[in-house]
Protein backbone atom coordinates (compact mmCIF):
# COMPACT_ATOMS: atom_id res chain seq x y z
CA UNK A 1 -132.06 39.82 -54.12
CA UNK A 2 -130.39 40.98 -50.89
CA UNK A 3 -126.98 42.47 -51.42
CA UNK A 4 -124.00 41.43 -49.36
CA UNK A 5 -122.87 43.91 -46.63
CA UNK A 6 -119.40 43.48 -48.14
CA UNK A 7 -120.49 45.06 -51.35
CA UNK A 8 -122.62 47.72 -49.65
CA UNK A 9 -119.52 48.70 -47.59
CA UNK A 10 -117.59 49.57 -50.61
CA UNK A 11 -120.06 51.00 -53.03
CA UNK A 12 -119.48 54.49 -51.64
CA UNK A 13 -115.88 54.33 -52.94
CA UNK A 14 -114.68 55.60 -49.48
CA UNK A 15 -110.94 55.21 -48.85
CA UNK A 16 -110.23 53.48 -45.53
CA UNK A 17 -109.35 55.65 -42.62
CA UNK A 18 -105.85 54.19 -42.24
CA UNK A 19 -105.12 54.83 -45.95
CA UNK A 20 -106.28 58.43 -45.50
CA UNK A 21 -103.81 58.99 -42.67
CA UNK A 22 -101.07 57.26 -44.73
CA UNK A 23 -99.78 55.08 -41.87
CA UNK A 24 -100.77 51.71 -43.36
CA UNK A 25 -97.78 49.57 -44.36
CA UNK A 26 -98.24 46.24 -46.18
CA UNK A 27 -97.92 43.45 -43.67
CA UNK A 28 -95.64 40.56 -44.15
CA UNK A 29 -96.83 36.92 -44.13
CA UNK A 30 -95.24 36.25 -40.71
CA UNK A 31 -96.98 39.36 -39.28
CA UNK A 32 -100.36 37.98 -40.30
CA UNK A 33 -100.19 34.74 -38.22
CA UNK A 34 -100.98 36.24 -34.98
CA UNK A 35 -104.04 38.22 -36.30
CA UNK A 36 -105.29 35.15 -38.00
CA UNK A 37 -104.99 33.25 -34.74
CA UNK A 38 -106.83 36.05 -32.88
CA UNK A 39 -109.50 36.06 -35.57
CA UNK A 40 -110.04 32.40 -35.29
CA UNK A 41 -110.30 32.57 -31.49
CA UNK A 42 -112.80 35.29 -31.52
CA UNK A 43 -114.93 33.74 -34.16
CA UNK A 44 -115.14 30.25 -32.78
CA UNK A 45 -114.80 30.60 -28.89
CA UNK A 46 -116.06 34.09 -28.11
CA UNK A 47 -118.62 32.87 -27.56
CA UNK A 48 -118.76 29.13 -28.54
CA UNK A 49 -121.77 28.36 -30.71
CA UNK A 50 -122.16 24.72 -31.71
CA UNK A 51 -124.65 25.45 -34.47
CA UNK A 52 -122.22 28.08 -35.96
CA UNK A 53 -119.42 25.28 -35.64
CA UNK A 54 -121.58 22.76 -37.57
CA UNK A 55 -122.34 25.16 -40.34
CA UNK A 56 -118.73 26.22 -40.69
CA UNK A 57 -117.88 22.47 -40.98
CA UNK A 58 -120.29 22.09 -43.82
CA UNK A 59 -119.07 25.22 -45.54
CA UNK A 60 -115.50 24.14 -45.03
CA UNK A 61 -116.08 20.66 -46.49
CA UNK A 62 -117.81 21.97 -49.59
CA UNK A 63 -115.30 24.77 -50.00
CA UNK A 64 -112.42 22.13 -49.81
CA UNK A 65 -110.89 23.84 -46.93
CA UNK A 66 -110.19 20.63 -44.79
CA UNK A 67 -106.53 20.70 -43.75
CA UNK A 68 -106.02 17.10 -42.75
CA UNK A 69 -104.12 14.23 -44.37
CA UNK A 70 -106.24 11.33 -42.86
CA UNK A 71 -109.18 11.71 -45.23
CA UNK A 72 -107.54 9.64 -48.06
CA UNK A 73 -107.60 5.96 -47.37
CA UNK A 74 -104.59 4.00 -48.38
CA UNK A 75 -104.96 1.93 -51.53
CA UNK A 76 -104.01 -1.65 -51.05
CA UNK A 77 -105.05 -2.78 -54.44
CA UNK A 78 -101.49 -2.67 -55.69
CA UNK A 79 -100.08 -5.20 -53.14
CA UNK A 80 -100.11 -8.43 -55.07
CA UNK A 81 -98.32 -11.09 -53.04
CA UNK A 82 -96.76 -13.53 -55.53
CA UNK A 83 -97.83 -17.08 -54.94
CA UNK A 84 -95.43 -19.83 -56.27
CA UNK A 85 -97.14 -22.07 -58.69
CA UNK A 86 -96.02 -24.92 -60.77
CA UNK A 87 -95.04 -23.61 -64.22
CA UNK A 88 -97.13 -25.01 -67.09
CA UNK A 89 -95.72 -26.69 -70.22
CA UNK A 90 -96.71 -25.42 -73.62
CA UNK A 91 -99.06 -28.38 -74.20
CA UNK A 92 -100.78 -27.75 -70.84
CA UNK A 93 -101.12 -24.13 -71.81
CA UNK A 94 -102.59 -24.86 -75.22
CA UNK A 95 -104.90 -27.45 -73.56
CA UNK A 96 -106.52 -24.81 -71.44
CA UNK A 97 -109.79 -23.65 -73.28
CA UNK A 98 -110.10 -19.99 -73.96
CA UNK A 99 -112.89 -18.55 -71.93
CA UNK A 100 -116.12 -17.96 -73.83
CA UNK A 101 -117.19 -14.28 -73.74
CA UNK A 102 -120.90 -13.51 -74.49
CA UNK A 103 -121.05 -10.36 -76.66
CA UNK A 104 -124.37 -9.43 -74.86
CA UNK A 105 -122.59 -9.37 -71.47
CA UNK A 106 -119.94 -7.21 -72.99
CA UNK A 107 -122.47 -4.78 -74.25
CA UNK A 108 -124.04 -4.78 -70.75
CA UNK A 109 -120.77 -4.06 -69.02
CA UNK A 110 -119.86 -1.32 -71.54
CA UNK A 111 -123.20 0.33 -70.96
CA UNK A 112 -122.84 0.08 -67.16
CA UNK A 113 -119.33 1.56 -67.36
CA UNK A 114 -120.60 4.39 -69.58
CA UNK A 115 -123.43 5.12 -67.22
CA UNK A 116 -121.09 5.21 -64.16
CA UNK A 117 -118.68 7.51 -65.97
CA UNK A 118 -121.55 9.93 -66.99
CA UNK A 119 -122.94 10.03 -63.52
CA UNK A 120 -119.41 10.53 -62.19
CA UNK A 121 -118.97 13.52 -64.46
CA UNK A 122 -122.40 14.86 -63.47
CA UNK A 123 -121.54 14.60 -59.74
CA UNK A 124 -118.10 16.15 -60.17
CA UNK A 125 -119.69 19.22 -61.99
CA UNK A 126 -122.24 19.49 -59.22
CA UNK A 127 -119.64 19.42 -56.51
CA UNK A 128 -117.36 21.82 -58.40
CA UNK A 129 -120.28 24.30 -58.59
CA UNK A 130 -121.02 23.94 -54.93
CA UNK A 131 -117.30 24.43 -54.21
CA UNK A 132 -117.23 27.68 -56.22
CA UNK A 133 -120.24 29.18 -54.42
CA UNK A 134 -119.26 27.99 -50.96
CA UNK A 135 -115.79 29.52 -51.47
CA UNK A 136 -117.42 32.87 -51.34
CA UNK A 137 -119.81 31.83 -48.51
CA UNK A 138 -116.66 30.93 -46.49
CA UNK A 139 -114.99 34.23 -47.28
CA UNK A 140 -118.09 36.19 -46.23
CA UNK A 141 -118.41 34.11 -43.07
CA UNK A 142 -114.84 34.84 -42.07
CA UNK A 143 -115.19 38.54 -42.78
CA UNK A 144 -118.54 38.84 -40.80
CA UNK A 145 -117.40 36.22 -38.12
CA UNK A 146 -120.94 34.76 -38.59
CA UNK A 147 -122.05 31.93 -40.98
CA UNK A 148 -125.46 31.78 -42.61
CA UNK A 149 -125.61 29.30 -45.42
CA UNK A 150 -129.09 30.37 -46.86
CA UNK A 151 -128.26 34.08 -47.01
CA UNK A 152 -124.80 33.35 -48.30
CA UNK A 153 -126.17 31.23 -51.15
CA UNK A 154 -128.64 34.05 -52.06
CA UNK A 155 -125.76 36.61 -52.16
CA UNK A 156 -122.97 34.69 -53.71
CA UNK A 157 -124.41 32.22 -56.28
CA UNK A 158 -123.84 34.88 -59.12
CA UNK A 159 -120.28 35.31 -58.17
CA UNK A 160 -119.98 31.59 -57.61
CA UNK A 161 -121.10 30.81 -61.28
CA UNK A 162 -118.17 33.10 -62.38
CA UNK A 163 -115.76 31.33 -60.26
CA UNK A 164 -117.12 28.03 -61.46
CA UNK A 165 -116.46 29.11 -65.00
CA UNK A 166 -112.88 29.96 -64.05
CA UNK A 167 -112.35 26.57 -62.60
CA UNK A 168 -113.61 24.91 -65.68
CA UNK A 169 -111.14 27.03 -67.78
CA UNK A 170 -108.34 26.18 -65.57
CA UNK A 171 -109.07 22.49 -65.56
CA UNK A 172 -109.46 22.43 -69.33
CA UNK A 173 -106.17 24.33 -69.78
CA UNK A 174 -104.37 21.85 -67.50
CA UNK A 175 -105.86 18.81 -69.42
CA UNK A 176 -104.84 20.22 -72.75
CA UNK A 177 -101.38 21.13 -71.56
CA UNK A 178 -100.83 17.71 -70.12
CA UNK A 179 -102.07 16.06 -73.29
CA UNK A 180 -99.57 18.19 -75.29
CA UNK A 181 -96.81 17.68 -72.68
CA UNK A 182 -97.17 13.93 -72.86
CA UNK A 183 -98.43 13.30 -76.32
CA UNK A 184 -95.69 15.35 -78.24
CA UNK A 185 -92.78 13.42 -76.76
CA UNK A 186 -94.47 10.08 -77.20
CA UNK A 187 -95.30 10.98 -80.88
CA UNK A 188 -91.70 11.94 -81.55
CA UNK A 189 -90.40 8.84 -79.90
CA UNK A 190 -92.75 6.75 -82.11
CA UNK A 191 -91.72 8.42 -85.23
CA UNK A 192 -88.03 7.93 -84.41
CA UNK A 193 -88.64 4.23 -83.93
CA UNK A 194 -87.80 3.99 -80.24
CA UNK A 195 -90.75 1.71 -79.41
CA UNK A 196 -89.78 -0.74 -82.39
CA UNK A 197 -86.11 -1.11 -81.07
CA UNK A 198 -86.53 -0.28 -77.44
CA UNK A 199 -83.19 -1.96 -76.28
CA UNK A 200 -81.04 0.30 -78.34
CA UNK A 201 -82.71 3.48 -76.92
CA UNK A 202 -82.94 2.56 -73.16
CA UNK A 203 -80.62 5.49 -72.07
CA UNK A 204 -82.51 8.03 -74.19
CA UNK A 205 -85.89 6.65 -72.82
CA UNK A 206 -84.63 6.89 -69.25
CA UNK A 207 -83.46 10.49 -69.76
CA UNK A 208 -86.69 11.43 -71.51
CA UNK A 209 -88.89 9.93 -68.74
CA UNK A 210 -86.83 11.77 -66.03
CA UNK A 211 -87.18 15.07 -67.97
CA UNK A 212 -90.91 14.55 -68.42
CA UNK A 213 -91.43 13.72 -64.79
CA UNK A 214 -89.60 16.93 -63.72
CA UNK A 215 -91.60 18.90 -66.22
CA UNK A 216 -94.86 17.38 -65.02
CA UNK A 217 -94.02 18.23 -61.37
CA UNK A 218 -93.37 21.77 -62.47
CA UNK A 219 -96.66 21.95 -64.18
CA UNK A 220 -98.54 20.53 -61.18
CA UNK A 221 -96.65 23.07 -58.92
CA UNK A 222 -97.54 25.93 -61.08
CA UNK A 223 -101.25 24.76 -61.25
CA UNK A 224 -101.34 24.58 -57.48
CA UNK A 225 -99.89 28.05 -57.02
CA UNK A 226 -102.50 29.46 -59.48
CA UNK A 227 -105.38 27.86 -57.69
CA UNK A 228 -104.00 29.02 -54.32
CA UNK A 229 -103.86 32.58 -55.55
CA UNK A 230 -107.37 32.30 -56.99
CA UNK A 231 -109.02 31.08 -53.86
CA UNK A 232 -107.08 33.49 -51.57
CA UNK A 233 -107.04 36.66 -53.44
CA UNK A 234 -109.10 36.40 -56.66
CA UNK A 235 -112.23 35.63 -54.62
CA UNK A 236 -112.02 38.92 -52.58
CA UNK A 237 -111.63 40.86 -55.83
CA UNK A 238 -114.45 39.26 -57.57
CA UNK A 239 -116.59 39.79 -54.44
CA UNK A 240 -115.81 43.55 -53.98
CA UNK A 241 -115.43 44.66 -57.55
CA UNK A 242 -118.22 42.42 -58.97
CA UNK A 243 -116.09 41.53 -61.95
CA UNK A 244 -115.41 38.31 -63.92
CA UNK A 245 -112.34 36.17 -63.46
CA UNK A 246 -110.51 37.78 -66.41
CA UNK A 247 -110.75 41.38 -65.04
CA UNK A 248 -110.11 40.00 -61.58
CA UNK A 249 -106.94 38.42 -62.56
CA UNK A 250 -105.74 41.54 -64.23
CA UNK A 251 -106.31 43.56 -60.96
CA UNK A 252 -104.70 40.85 -58.90
CA UNK A 253 -101.54 40.73 -61.08
CA UNK A 254 -101.36 44.54 -60.74
CA UNK A 255 -101.32 44.14 -56.95
CA UNK A 256 -98.73 41.27 -57.07
CA UNK A 257 -96.34 42.79 -59.43
CA UNK A 258 -94.79 45.31 -57.01
CA UNK A 259 -94.43 42.79 -54.30
CA UNK A 260 -93.59 39.55 -56.03
CA UNK A 261 -91.25 38.58 -53.22
CA UNK A 262 -93.51 39.12 -50.45
CA UNK A 263 -96.29 37.06 -52.15
CA UNK A 264 -93.69 34.27 -52.68
CA UNK A 265 -92.92 34.20 -49.02
CA UNK A 266 -96.71 34.17 -48.31
CA UNK A 267 -97.01 30.92 -50.61
CA UNK A 268 -94.04 29.19 -48.98
CA UNK A 269 -95.31 30.04 -45.43
CA UNK A 270 -98.75 28.94 -46.17
CA UNK A 271 -97.42 25.59 -47.70
CA UNK A 272 -95.56 25.08 -44.38
CA UNK A 273 -98.52 25.99 -42.26
CA UNK A 274 -100.67 23.64 -44.27
CA UNK A 275 -98.24 20.78 -43.84
CA UNK A 276 -98.21 21.39 -40.08
CA UNK A 277 -102.07 21.56 -40.00
CA UNK A 278 -102.36 18.33 -41.97
CA UNK A 279 -100.08 16.53 -39.46
CA UNK A 280 -101.94 17.96 -36.46
CA UNK A 281 -105.41 17.44 -37.68
CA UNK A 282 -104.50 14.12 -39.13
CA UNK A 283 -103.34 12.82 -35.90
CA UNK A 284 -106.45 14.12 -34.05
CA UNK A 285 -108.93 12.59 -36.60
CA UNK A 286 -107.21 9.22 -36.48
CA UNK A 287 -108.73 8.59 -33.08
CA UNK A 288 -112.45 8.84 -34.08
CA UNK A 289 -111.83 7.22 -37.45
CA UNK A 290 -110.46 4.17 -35.68
CA UNK A 291 -113.26 4.23 -33.23
CA UNK A 292 -115.68 4.05 -36.21
CA UNK A 293 -113.68 1.74 -38.58
CA UNK A 294 -112.61 -0.89 -36.07
CA UNK A 295 -116.05 -1.75 -34.85
CA UNK A 296 -117.25 -2.00 -38.50
CA UNK A 297 -114.41 -4.30 -39.39
CA UNK A 298 -115.17 -6.46 -36.35
CA UNK A 299 -118.86 -6.55 -37.28
CA UNK A 300 -117.97 -7.79 -40.91
CA UNK A 301 -115.67 -10.36 -39.52
CA UNK A 302 -118.30 -11.56 -37.00
CA UNK A 303 -120.89 -11.90 -39.71
CA UNK A 304 -118.43 -13.83 -41.86
CA UNK A 305 -117.86 -16.24 -38.88
CA UNK A 306 -121.62 -16.57 -38.38
CA UNK A 307 -121.94 -17.90 -41.90
CA UNK A 308 -123.20 -14.90 -43.87
CA UNK A 309 -122.41 -15.01 -47.39
CA UNK A 310 -122.17 -12.32 -50.12
CA UNK A 311 -125.55 -12.07 -51.90
CA UNK A 312 -127.69 -9.14 -53.10
CA UNK A 313 -128.97 -8.32 -49.74
CA UNK A 314 -125.70 -8.53 -47.83
CA UNK A 315 -123.94 -6.54 -50.56
CA UNK A 316 -126.66 -3.86 -50.56
CA UNK A 317 -126.52 -3.66 -46.78
CA UNK A 318 -122.79 -3.39 -46.85
CA UNK A 319 -123.00 -0.50 -49.44
CA UNK A 320 -125.53 1.44 -47.46
CA UNK A 321 -123.66 1.00 -44.17
CA UNK A 322 -120.36 1.93 -45.82
CA UNK A 323 -121.83 5.06 -47.19
CA UNK A 324 -123.39 5.97 -43.77
CA UNK A 325 -120.10 5.32 -42.00
CA UNK A 326 -118.28 7.38 -44.73
CA UNK A 327 -120.59 10.25 -44.22
CA UNK A 328 -120.13 10.08 -40.44
CA UNK A 329 -116.33 10.03 -40.83
CA UNK A 330 -116.36 13.05 -43.13
CA UNK A 331 -118.65 14.95 -40.77
CA UNK A 332 -116.36 14.29 -37.83
CA UNK A 333 -113.29 15.21 -39.78
CA UNK A 334 -115.04 18.44 -40.96
CA UNK A 335 -115.91 19.25 -37.27
CA UNK A 336 -112.40 18.74 -36.09
CA UNK A 337 -110.86 20.84 -38.85
CA UNK A 338 -113.10 23.96 -38.27
CA UNK A 339 -110.26 25.86 -36.68
CA UNK A 340 -108.08 25.31 -39.72
CA UNK A 341 -111.11 26.20 -41.92
CA UNK A 342 -111.22 29.69 -40.25
CA UNK A 343 -107.45 30.24 -39.70
CA UNK A 344 -106.30 29.85 -43.29
CA UNK A 345 -108.89 32.20 -44.95
CA UNK A 346 -108.31 34.69 -42.06
CA UNK A 347 -104.49 34.51 -42.77
CA UNK A 348 -105.02 35.23 -46.43
CA UNK A 349 -107.53 38.10 -45.60
CA UNK A 350 -105.31 39.80 -43.11
CA UNK A 351 -102.33 39.53 -45.67
CA UNK A 352 -104.37 40.87 -48.55
CA UNK A 353 -106.18 43.58 -46.69
CA UNK A 354 -103.10 45.68 -46.20
CA UNK A 355 -102.62 45.80 -50.06
CA UNK A 356 -106.41 46.01 -51.04
CA UNK A 357 -108.09 49.06 -49.51
CA UNK A 358 -111.66 47.91 -50.00
CA UNK A 359 -110.99 44.78 -47.96
CA UNK A 360 -109.25 46.76 -45.29
CA UNK A 361 -112.10 49.13 -44.99
CA UNK A 362 -114.32 46.27 -43.83
CA UNK A 363 -111.86 44.39 -41.91
CA UNK A 364 -110.53 47.50 -40.01
CA UNK A 365 -113.39 49.96 -39.64
CA UNK A 366 -112.64 53.39 -38.41
CA UNK A 367 -112.88 53.94 -34.70
CA UNK A 368 -116.18 55.48 -33.51
CA UNK A 369 -115.98 59.20 -33.50
CA UNK A 370 -115.69 60.66 -30.06
CA UNK A 371 -118.93 62.42 -29.15
CA UNK A 372 -118.00 65.64 -27.41
CA UNK A 373 -120.78 66.97 -25.17
CA UNK A 374 -120.58 70.69 -24.71
CA UNK A 375 -122.08 72.05 -21.60
CA UNK A 376 -124.20 75.23 -22.11
CA UNK A 377 -122.36 78.36 -21.33
CA UNK A 378 -122.68 79.60 -17.71
CA UNK A 379 -125.02 82.48 -17.35
CA UNK A 380 -125.06 84.70 -14.32
CA UNK A 381 -128.32 85.08 -12.68
CA UNK A 382 -130.22 88.21 -13.71
CA UNK A 383 -129.62 91.22 -11.47
CA UNK A 384 -132.36 91.74 -9.05
CA UNK A 385 -134.20 94.98 -9.58
CA UNK A 386 -133.29 97.63 -7.11
CA UNK A 387 -135.38 97.84 -4.07
CA UNK A 388 -137.52 100.98 -3.72
CA UNK A 389 -136.36 103.55 -1.24
CA UNK A 390 -137.64 103.14 2.27
CA UNK A 391 -140.39 105.57 3.10
CA UNK A 392 -139.54 108.29 5.42
CA UNK A 393 -141.00 108.02 8.88
CA UNK A 394 -144.17 110.21 9.44
CA UNK A 395 -143.96 112.79 12.24
């Protein structure tokens, strides 16, 4: 298996030239914005390569590095408009027959739901694994300013499996913590009888819900911070040092500990930049999304006016066309968000490079040594041999 040039560049344990001189100071988060913009400009536009842009869009999508707020469609299922209807009397209510439920149909629906949930879990694990590997491919692509998916997969699938295991551990820990966070208070409230006599414990219940909601927000914030630190700083350590996530976290915490304030400023600044990028790219992506969604809605409305009804054929056609349109929308959004896909990893790389010598050695290679050409020493021409004495004239 071909090794990555990132690993090959640090196996010699060479100290970067700027560290040898002792003039390298850790950059602040604000100081890294301009180098990240310059890095993005050089990688994407000097020169512009459409094939590179498309590959980066795919890598950014699978690495979950799309910085836009327009990807999630609004959910209108909760808007139930109340329709006034005549209230029924007790006799009318009792006269309504209870609908007959076939046990066989219940078993079929239960089996269908179980199959859908199983397929959903399998697809989720597949995409989580792809996300883990493509996180390293994106890091490698930003470092080298060149994206090659096939070569990146061959180099980073082993490190991606380690990062995939880390994400599973993190998700399991979050689920267990949330179950404990919600289950323990509910169990205590049930033991104290709050649910049996709810009216006498309204104030306590409201205070408890507010406390749990605040604690839940704190847990979600901590989990987001951990995930952000992992994808920005744990990935480089696992890539360079070839370690698992446990050793990687111990080395990362050793780097963070002396500069907690600067890393906190980095996190706050990145949140602000992410919000700004979501607004910017969200506005830009609204135009192509409307250009795709509006004709699709018009086509459905025209088909309805033409007398088309929902049957197996029309439902299947609608599902297929919906999936195609959704794939086109995601592809367009990923293409538009490519500058953000490069900028944010570059921002993290430039911030971490001044604190991680192995990354700095590859990001800032030493300048080429000046070749001094020495001219050969000047040599005086050899002395001409003395002329023989002129012969004396005869006679």
